[in-house]
Protein backbone atom coordinates (compact mmCIF):
# COMPACT_ATOMS: atom_id res chain seq x y z
CA MET A 1 142.77 47.42 108.04
CA THR A 2 141.92 44.62 105.82
CA LEU A 3 143.52 44.29 102.42
CA GLY A 4 140.60 42.94 100.38
CA MET A 5 140.79 45.84 97.93
CA TYR A 6 143.69 44.01 96.21
CA ALA A 7 141.71 40.75 95.68
CA GLN A 8 139.75 39.64 92.83
CA VAL A 9 137.26 36.75 92.63
CA GLU A 10 139.09 33.42 92.44
CA THR A 11 137.90 31.17 89.67
CA LYS A 12 138.52 27.50 88.69
CA LYS A 13 140.68 28.81 85.85
CA ASP A 14 143.25 30.23 88.22
CA SER A 15 146.28 28.09 88.28
CA THR A 16 147.61 29.14 91.58
CA GLN A 17 145.65 30.02 94.71
CA LYS A 18 146.41 32.75 97.13
CA GLU A 19 148.21 34.90 94.57
CA LEU A 20 145.14 37.06 94.24
CA VAL A 21 145.64 38.68 97.72
CA ILE A 22 148.55 40.55 99.03
CA PRO A 23 149.01 39.10 102.55
CA ASN A 24 148.96 41.62 105.46
CA LYS A 25 152.17 40.19 106.84
CA ASP A 26 153.94 41.19 103.68
CA LEU A 27 153.44 44.96 104.18
CA LYS A 28 155.64 47.16 106.41
CA GLU A 29 152.77 49.73 106.70
CA GLN A 30 149.06 49.45 106.26
CA ILE A 31 147.54 50.55 102.97
CA ILE A 32 145.67 53.68 103.46
CA LYS A 33 141.96 53.33 102.43
CA THR A 34 139.31 55.92 102.41
CA ALA A 35 136.36 55.46 104.79
CA LYS A 36 134.00 54.60 101.87
CA GLU A 37 136.32 51.71 100.80
CA GLN A 38 136.95 50.45 104.32
CA LEU A 39 133.58 50.82 106.15
CA VAL A 40 131.74 48.55 103.88
CA ASN A 41 130.43 46.57 107.02
CA ASP A 42 130.83 46.49 110.78
CA ASN A 43 133.57 43.80 110.80
CA PHE A 44 136.18 45.66 112.89
CA PRO A 45 138.25 42.87 114.71
CA GLY A 46 139.65 43.88 118.10
CA SER A 47 137.45 46.93 118.43
CA TRP A 48 134.91 47.74 120.99
CA PRO A 49 131.82 50.04 121.07
CA MET A 50 131.96 53.56 122.42
CA PHE A 51 128.77 53.33 124.30
CA ASN A 52 125.86 55.67 123.57
CA THR A 53 127.46 56.44 120.10
CA ASP A 54 127.62 54.81 116.78
CA LEU A 55 131.43 54.65 117.02
CA ARG A 56 133.71 51.78 117.48
CA MET A 57 137.56 52.08 118.63
CA LYS A 58 140.63 49.82 118.46
CA ILE A 59 144.07 50.47 119.92
CA GLY A 60 147.06 48.95 118.06
CA GLY A 61 150.67 49.20 117.37
CA TYR A 62 153.80 47.35 118.32
CA LEU A 63 156.72 47.27 120.73
CA LYS A 64 160.11 46.78 118.89
CA ALA A 65 163.49 46.36 120.61
CA ASP A 66 166.60 46.73 118.29
CA PHE A 67 170.09 45.59 118.82
CA ILE A 68 172.74 47.28 116.51
CA TYR A 69 176.33 46.67 115.91
CA ASP A 70 177.87 49.28 113.65
CA LEU A 71 181.22 48.25 112.12
CA ASP A 72 182.37 51.54 110.68
CA GLY A 73 181.16 54.31 113.06
CA THR A 74 178.28 55.82 111.10
CA THR A 75 176.99 58.97 112.73
CA ASP A 76 173.40 57.97 113.39
CA LYS A 77 173.03 55.23 116.04
CA SER A 78 169.37 54.64 115.38
CA GLN A 79 169.06 54.20 111.55
CA PHE A 80 171.40 53.48 108.60
CA LEU A 81 171.31 56.44 106.25
CA MET A 82 173.62 57.28 103.33
CA ALA A 83 174.28 60.68 104.51
CA THR A 84 175.57 59.49 107.91
CA ILE A 85 178.38 57.33 106.39
CA PRO A 86 181.70 59.16 107.04
CA VAL A 87 183.71 59.92 103.80
CA ARG A 88 187.50 60.48 103.45
CA GLY A 89 188.35 64.04 104.64
CA GLU A 90 185.68 64.32 107.35
CA PRO A 91 186.74 64.06 110.95
CA GLU A 92 184.54 61.12 111.54
CA TYR A 93 186.20 59.01 108.77
CA GLY A 94 188.04 55.99 110.28
CA ASN A 95 185.73 55.85 113.37
CA GLU A 96 185.59 52.45 115.08
CA GLY A 97 182.32 50.55 115.40
CA TYR A 98 179.96 50.66 118.37
CA LEU A 99 177.10 48.91 119.97
CA SER A 100 173.54 50.51 120.22
CA PHE A 101 170.28 49.20 121.80
CA LEU A 102 167.05 51.01 121.33
CA ALA A 103 163.31 50.52 121.67
CA LYS A 104 162.16 53.99 120.38
CA GLU A 105 160.61 52.67 117.11
CA THR A 106 157.88 51.44 119.35
CA ARG A 107 154.45 52.88 118.25
CA ILE A 108 150.94 53.10 119.21
CA ASN A 109 147.77 54.00 117.28
CA ILE A 110 144.02 54.70 117.86
CA ASP A 111 141.48 53.78 115.21
CA VAL A 112 137.89 55.07 115.50
CA ARG A 113 135.28 54.32 112.91
CA ARG A 114 131.60 55.13 112.55
CA PHE A 115 129.18 52.40 111.32
CA ALA A 116 125.83 54.15 110.67
CA GLU A 117 123.13 54.16 108.07
CA ASN A 118 122.29 57.29 106.13
CA LYS A 119 125.48 59.02 107.46
CA ILE A 120 128.78 59.69 105.64
CA PRO A 121 131.44 56.95 106.47
CA LEU A 122 134.00 58.48 108.90
CA GLN A 123 137.17 57.14 110.39
CA LEU A 124 139.86 58.78 112.54
CA PHE A 125 143.39 57.38 112.70
CA PHE A 126 146.20 58.64 114.93
CA GLU A 127 149.62 57.09 115.39
CA GLY A 128 152.84 58.12 117.07
CA ASP A 129 156.22 56.65 118.10
CA PHE A 130 159.25 57.72 120.10
CA PHE A 131 161.72 57.85 117.24
CA THR A 132 163.39 61.03 118.36
CA SER A 133 166.89 61.99 119.84
CA ASP A 134 165.46 62.10 123.38
CA ASN A 135 162.77 59.35 123.02
CA ARG A 136 159.86 61.92 123.10
CA PHE A 137 156.59 60.97 121.67
CA ARG A 138 156.00 62.32 118.12
CA ILE A 139 153.04 62.26 115.64
CA ARG A 140 153.33 59.92 112.59
CA HIS A 141 149.80 59.83 111.31
CA ALA A 142 146.81 62.00 112.36
CA TYR A 143 144.19 62.01 109.62
CA ILE A 144 140.40 61.72 108.99
CA THR A 145 138.79 59.78 106.23
CA ALA A 146 135.38 60.92 105.13
CA GLY A 147 133.78 59.13 102.14
CA ASP A 148 136.35 59.23 99.37
CA PHE A 149 138.62 61.94 101.06
CA ILE A 150 141.63 61.67 103.25
CA ILE A 151 142.37 64.84 105.29
CA GLY A 152 145.29 65.29 107.70
CA GLN A 153 148.91 64.03 108.10
CA THR A 154 149.86 60.66 106.53
CA TRP A 155 151.98 59.24 103.79
CA THR A 156 152.14 61.40 100.67
CA THR A 157 150.00 60.41 97.62
CA LEU A 158 153.14 59.18 95.89
CA SER A 159 154.58 57.15 98.77
CA PHE A 160 154.41 53.59 97.53
CA LEU A 161 155.54 51.65 100.70
CA GLU A 162 154.39 48.31 99.21
CA SER A 163 157.04 48.73 96.54
CA MET A 164 159.76 47.64 98.95
CA SER A 165 160.28 44.41 100.90
CA PHE A 166 160.37 44.29 104.71
CA MET A 167 163.41 45.77 106.44
CA ILE A 168 164.32 45.76 110.07
CA ASP A 169 166.29 49.08 109.79
CA PHE A 170 164.07 52.05 110.51
CA ALA A 171 165.57 54.04 107.55
CA ALA A 172 164.36 51.21 105.28
CA GLY A 173 163.67 52.68 101.78
CA ASP A 174 166.56 55.02 101.87
CA ALA A 175 166.04 55.77 98.10
CA LEU A 176 162.26 55.58 98.35
CA PHE A 177 160.28 58.60 96.94
CA GLY A 178 157.89 59.83 99.75
CA GLY A 179 157.45 60.81 103.21
CA ARG A 180 154.55 62.12 105.42
CA THR A 181 152.84 65.48 105.21
CA ILE A 182 149.54 67.39 105.84
CA GLN A 183 147.30 66.96 102.76
CA ILE A 184 143.75 66.58 101.34
CA ARG A 185 143.48 63.63 99.03
CA TYR A 186 140.65 62.25 96.95
CA GLN A 187 140.98 58.60 95.92
CA LYS A 188 138.49 56.27 94.13
CA ASP A 189 138.33 52.80 92.62
CA ILE A 190 136.87 53.33 89.09
CA SER A 191 136.98 49.59 88.41
CA ASP A 192 138.12 46.30 90.03
CA LYS A 193 141.66 46.97 88.58
CA ILE A 194 142.06 50.78 88.39
CA ARG A 195 142.23 53.36 91.23
CA ILE A 196 142.89 57.04 90.85
CA ALA A 197 143.87 59.62 93.43
CA ALA A 198 144.74 63.35 93.58
CA GLY A 199 146.15 65.22 96.43
CA LEU A 200 146.98 68.77 97.47
CA GLU A 201 149.91 68.61 99.89
CA TYR A 202 151.90 70.88 102.15
CA LEU A 203 155.52 70.93 100.92
CA GLU A 204 157.50 70.25 104.10
CA SER A 205 161.04 70.36 102.76
CA LEU A 206 161.79 73.23 100.50
CA GLY A 207 165.43 72.22 100.40
CA ILE A 208 167.24 75.34 99.03
CA GLU A 209 170.92 75.72 99.78
CA ASN A 210 171.98 79.28 100.36
CA SER A 211 175.74 78.87 100.23
CA ASN A 212 176.37 82.53 99.47
CA ASP A 213 174.45 83.65 102.53
CA LEU A 214 172.10 85.83 100.64
CA GLU A 215 169.26 87.66 102.42
CA GLY A 216 165.90 85.92 102.62
CA GLU A 217 164.33 82.52 103.12
CA ALA A 218 162.67 79.68 101.22
CA ASN A 219 158.93 80.12 101.46
CA VAL A 220 155.70 78.24 100.51
CA GLN A 221 153.18 80.04 98.37
CA LEU A 222 151.36 77.12 96.66
CA PRO A 223 150.50 73.59 97.64
CA LEU A 224 152.01 70.47 95.92
CA LEU A 225 149.67 68.69 93.42
CA ALA A 226 150.05 65.06 93.19
CA LEU A 227 148.28 62.52 90.81
CA ARG A 228 148.34 58.75 91.11
CA LEU A 229 147.07 55.71 89.27
CA ASP A 230 147.09 52.16 90.59
CA TYR A 231 146.57 49.30 88.32
CA LYS A 232 146.29 45.74 89.64
CA TRP A 233 146.03 42.31 88.19
CA LYS A 234 145.81 38.74 89.37
CA SER A 235 149.22 38.67 91.07
CA GLY A 236 150.61 42.11 91.17
CA ILE A 237 150.12 45.84 91.24
CA LEU A 238 151.63 48.79 89.30
CA TRP A 239 151.69 52.47 90.68
CA LEU A 240 152.26 55.53 88.45
CA GLY A 241 152.41 58.97 89.78
CA SER A 242 153.63 62.60 89.18
CA SER A 243 153.60 65.73 91.18
CA ILE A 244 154.37 69.53 90.59
CA ALA A 245 155.12 72.15 93.08
CA GLN A 246 156.63 75.53 93.31
CA LEU A 247 160.06 76.33 94.91
CA ARG A 248 160.40 79.92 95.94
CA TRP A 249 163.03 82.28 97.50
CA ASP A 250 161.61 85.35 99.18
CA GLY A 251 164.42 88.01 99.75
CA GLY A 252 162.30 90.46 101.56
CA THR A 253 163.07 94.16 100.83
CA ASP A 254 166.67 93.92 99.80
CA GLY A 255 167.38 90.18 98.93
CA PRO A 256 166.72 88.23 95.71
CA GLN A 257 163.45 86.82 94.53
CA ASP A 258 163.03 83.82 92.43
CA GLN A 259 160.83 80.69 91.89
CA ILE A 260 161.13 77.50 89.75
CA ALA A 261 158.91 74.51 89.28
CA GLN A 262 159.41 71.17 90.91
CA LEU A 263 158.52 68.22 88.86
CA ALA A 264 158.65 64.47 89.73
CA PHE A 265 157.56 61.23 88.21
CA VAL A 266 157.35 57.81 89.99
CA ILE A 267 156.71 54.36 88.72
CA ALA A 268 156.63 51.33 91.20
CA GLY A 269 155.22 47.87 91.46
CA ARG A 270 155.00 44.55 93.23
CA GLN A 271 154.73 41.25 91.44
CA TYR A 272 154.06 37.84 93.18
CA ILE A 273 155.74 34.61 91.85
CA GLY A 274 153.88 31.66 93.25
CA ASP A 275 152.70 31.63 96.89
CA ASN A 276 156.12 32.39 98.54
CA ASN A 277 157.88 34.95 96.44
CA TYR A 278 157.50 38.54 95.30
CA PHE A 279 159.73 41.17 93.87
CA THR A 280 159.32 45.00 94.02
CA PHE A 281 160.64 48.13 92.40
CA ASN A 282 160.54 51.83 92.71
CA PHE A 283 161.94 54.40 90.26
CA SER A 284 161.74 58.18 90.41
CA TYR A 285 163.01 60.95 88.27
CA GLY A 286 162.52 64.78 88.40
CA ASN A 287 163.77 68.19 88.75
CA ALA A 288 164.27 70.13 92.01
CA TYR A 289 162.68 67.27 93.99
CA GLY A 290 165.70 65.58 95.78
CA GLU A 291 164.31 66.27 99.26
CA ASN A 292 161.41 64.01 98.43
CA ILE A 293 163.86 61.07 98.31
CA ILE A 294 164.24 59.89 101.84
CA ALA A 295 168.13 59.61 101.67
CA PHE A 296 168.45 63.30 100.66
CA ASN A 297 165.75 64.72 102.95
CA GLY A 298 167.11 67.50 105.03
CA SER A 299 170.26 68.07 102.98
CA ASN A 300 168.90 71.16 100.85
CA ALA A 301 168.78 68.86 97.90
CA ASN A 302 166.20 70.60 95.72
CA ALA A 303 167.96 73.69 94.48
CA VAL A 304 171.03 76.02 95.06
CA LEU A 305 170.58 79.79 95.42
CA ASN A 306 173.54 80.94 93.31
CA ALA A 307 175.65 84.17 93.72
CA ASP A 308 173.20 86.06 91.26
CA GLY A 309 170.21 85.24 93.40
CA LYS A 310 168.84 82.72 91.02
CA LEU A 311 167.61 79.23 91.85
CA ASP A 312 169.61 76.44 90.13
CA PRO A 313 167.48 73.31 90.32
CA ILE A 314 169.05 69.89 91.10
CA LEU A 315 168.10 66.91 88.98
CA ALA A 316 167.39 63.83 91.06
CA LYS A 317 166.95 60.11 90.35
CA SER A 318 166.43 57.13 92.61
CA ILE A 319 165.89 53.40 92.09
CA MET A 320 165.00 50.69 94.49
CA ALA A 321 164.49 46.87 93.99
CA GLY A 322 163.50 44.22 96.53
CA PHE A 323 162.72 40.51 96.75
CA MET A 324 161.07 38.37 99.33
CA HIS A 325 161.33 34.56 99.78
CA ARG A 326 159.15 32.61 102.31
CA TRP A 327 161.20 29.54 103.32
CA ASN A 328 158.14 28.11 105.28
CA PRO A 329 155.09 29.59 106.82
CA LYS A 330 157.09 31.13 109.66
CA LEU A 331 160.54 31.93 108.11
CA GLU A 332 161.24 34.42 105.31
CA SER A 333 164.15 36.43 103.95
CA ASN A 334 164.06 39.88 102.22
CA ILE A 335 166.67 41.57 100.05
CA ASN A 336 166.49 45.28 99.21
CA TYR A 337 168.81 47.64 97.37
CA ALA A 338 168.37 51.35 96.84
CA TYR A 339 170.43 53.93 94.95
CA GLY A 340 170.03 57.76 94.50
CA TRP A 341 171.70 60.41 92.46
CA LEU A 342 171.83 64.23 92.47
CA ASP A 343 173.11 66.10 89.55
CA ALA A 344 174.12 69.01 91.74
CA PRO A 345 176.01 72.24 90.65
CA ALA A 346 179.65 72.75 91.79
CA SER A 347 178.52 75.52 94.09
CA ARG A 348 176.87 73.03 96.50
CA ALA A 349 178.61 72.29 99.79
CA PRO A 350 181.61 70.07 99.36
CA TYR A 351 180.61 67.33 101.67
CA ALA A 352 176.88 67.24 100.71
CA LEU A 353 175.61 63.71 99.67
CA LYS A 354 175.79 63.54 95.77
CA ARG A 355 174.97 59.77 95.22
CA GLY A 356 174.98 56.55 97.11
CA GLY A 357 173.44 53.20 97.69
CA ILE A 358 172.45 50.92 100.53
CA GLY A 359 171.65 47.17 100.46
CA HIS A 360 169.70 45.10 103.12
CA ILE A 361 169.39 41.35 103.56
CA ASN A 362 167.63 39.75 106.51
CA LEU A 363 166.13 36.60 108.00
CA ILE A 364 162.70 36.88 109.89
CA TYR A 365 161.18 34.24 112.11
CA LYS A 366 157.50 34.75 112.97
CA PHE A 367 156.25 32.69 115.79
CA ASP A 368 152.74 33.77 115.26
CA LYS A 369 150.98 36.81 114.02
CA ASN A 370 151.95 38.85 117.18
CA PHE A 371 155.67 37.98 117.85
CA SER A 372 158.63 37.95 115.55
CA ILE A 373 162.41 38.12 115.56
CA GLY A 374 165.03 38.88 113.00
CA ILE A 375 168.55 39.81 111.94
CA GLU A 376 169.67 42.04 109.09
CA TYR A 377 172.97 42.89 107.48
CA MET A 378 173.39 46.28 105.80
CA ARG A 379 176.05 47.84 103.53
CA GLY A 380 176.03 51.37 102.29
CA GLU A 381 178.26 53.75 100.26
CA GLN A 382 178.10 57.43 99.51
CA ARG A 383 180.09 59.93 97.45
CA THR A 384 179.91 63.70 98.13
CA THR A 385 180.02 66.77 95.83
CA ASN A 386 183.80 66.98 96.18
CA ASP A 387 184.03 63.28 95.18
CA ALA A 388 184.94 62.02 98.62
CA TYR A 389 183.93 58.42 99.13
CA GLY A 390 182.80 56.41 102.25
CA ALA A 391 181.47 52.90 102.92
CA ALA A 392 179.95 51.41 106.00
CA ASN A 393 178.50 48.07 107.32
CA ARG A 394 175.95 47.32 110.04
CA ILE A 395 174.18 44.43 111.63
CA GLN A 396 170.92 44.83 113.37
CA SER A 397 168.62 42.29 115.15
CA MET A 398 165.09 42.80 116.57
CA ALA A 399 162.35 41.37 118.67
CA LYS A 400 158.86 42.67 117.84
CA PHE A 401 155.44 42.31 119.43
CA GLU A 402 152.53 43.55 117.42
CA PHE A 403 148.93 43.97 118.66
């Protein structure tokens, strides 16, 4: 996908060239465009016609081999997550380091587009990888764009992936707000500087901790509503977003019934400094939304069902900042640091992640647009509800072929 949507017309008054376009190589993931934005012409490099139709297809993706040396025995051998850092008091605390090689981040995608006059612009995008415990194929993206609408599974409306610099580690934005889910999204450029978007999304992670083993289960009754505004200027972009959803506990015939509102606010951005530098930031704040922060996903970080059968929401915050410097056209470095907090009640599980941070620094060498290698150092810390502390370090290198 091209990134011309972030360009403005260059004039003689501009003091620096190339600041007006965010280079494709700077982005970890492609920016999601609607078909109406993207299919403005039939320029679709690398595609071929699907004969006897008005469709064109392209196959893309990459193969990535990773070589990991973990210095402190974190419990996930594939990605560096805060919650997998052993803390004092856990049986894994004091583990020795280990070596891990993997290629399961490898992914492949299919992109089908329709170029036809007097017909609604259409695109199909499907992508999967093998990032599972047994290297089985899984779906990452499966969506349709029709006109100004995006329908299917892809990044949530408030996932601002461009607000972090490139990281080799798959976990990447550990304190990033976002994820992937099924949704219906409308987005539209209302001027050359402003874009708006609204999405109805399936709330994948309800994240309610039932430490008292009360009867019932978390349930979805209403979709999440997300609103977003993008504002771009000559050398940068600012993202603003907010979402609201319902968290609900359904106790059936004899169990408790309760529901609370989930609210979240996100502000993020990217600013270029000259031709070879940019910095990024991402800040989120909200109530009962901790599961939407990648570091806390899967840890029942939205709310706790107390002994009275009422939902106690958990206040959550996250911040992430990054910086990229390009030493020359083929060599660059990226620095990223992320930190997340949960203001959890004392009734939460004692070894549940309460707060923590992870930093990444790397050196990437790009032989050409297809092949690159790199090495990255990571350090992370976490503190749990019972105030136990742990820290860990990891080194990861990669070789990557993109097509």
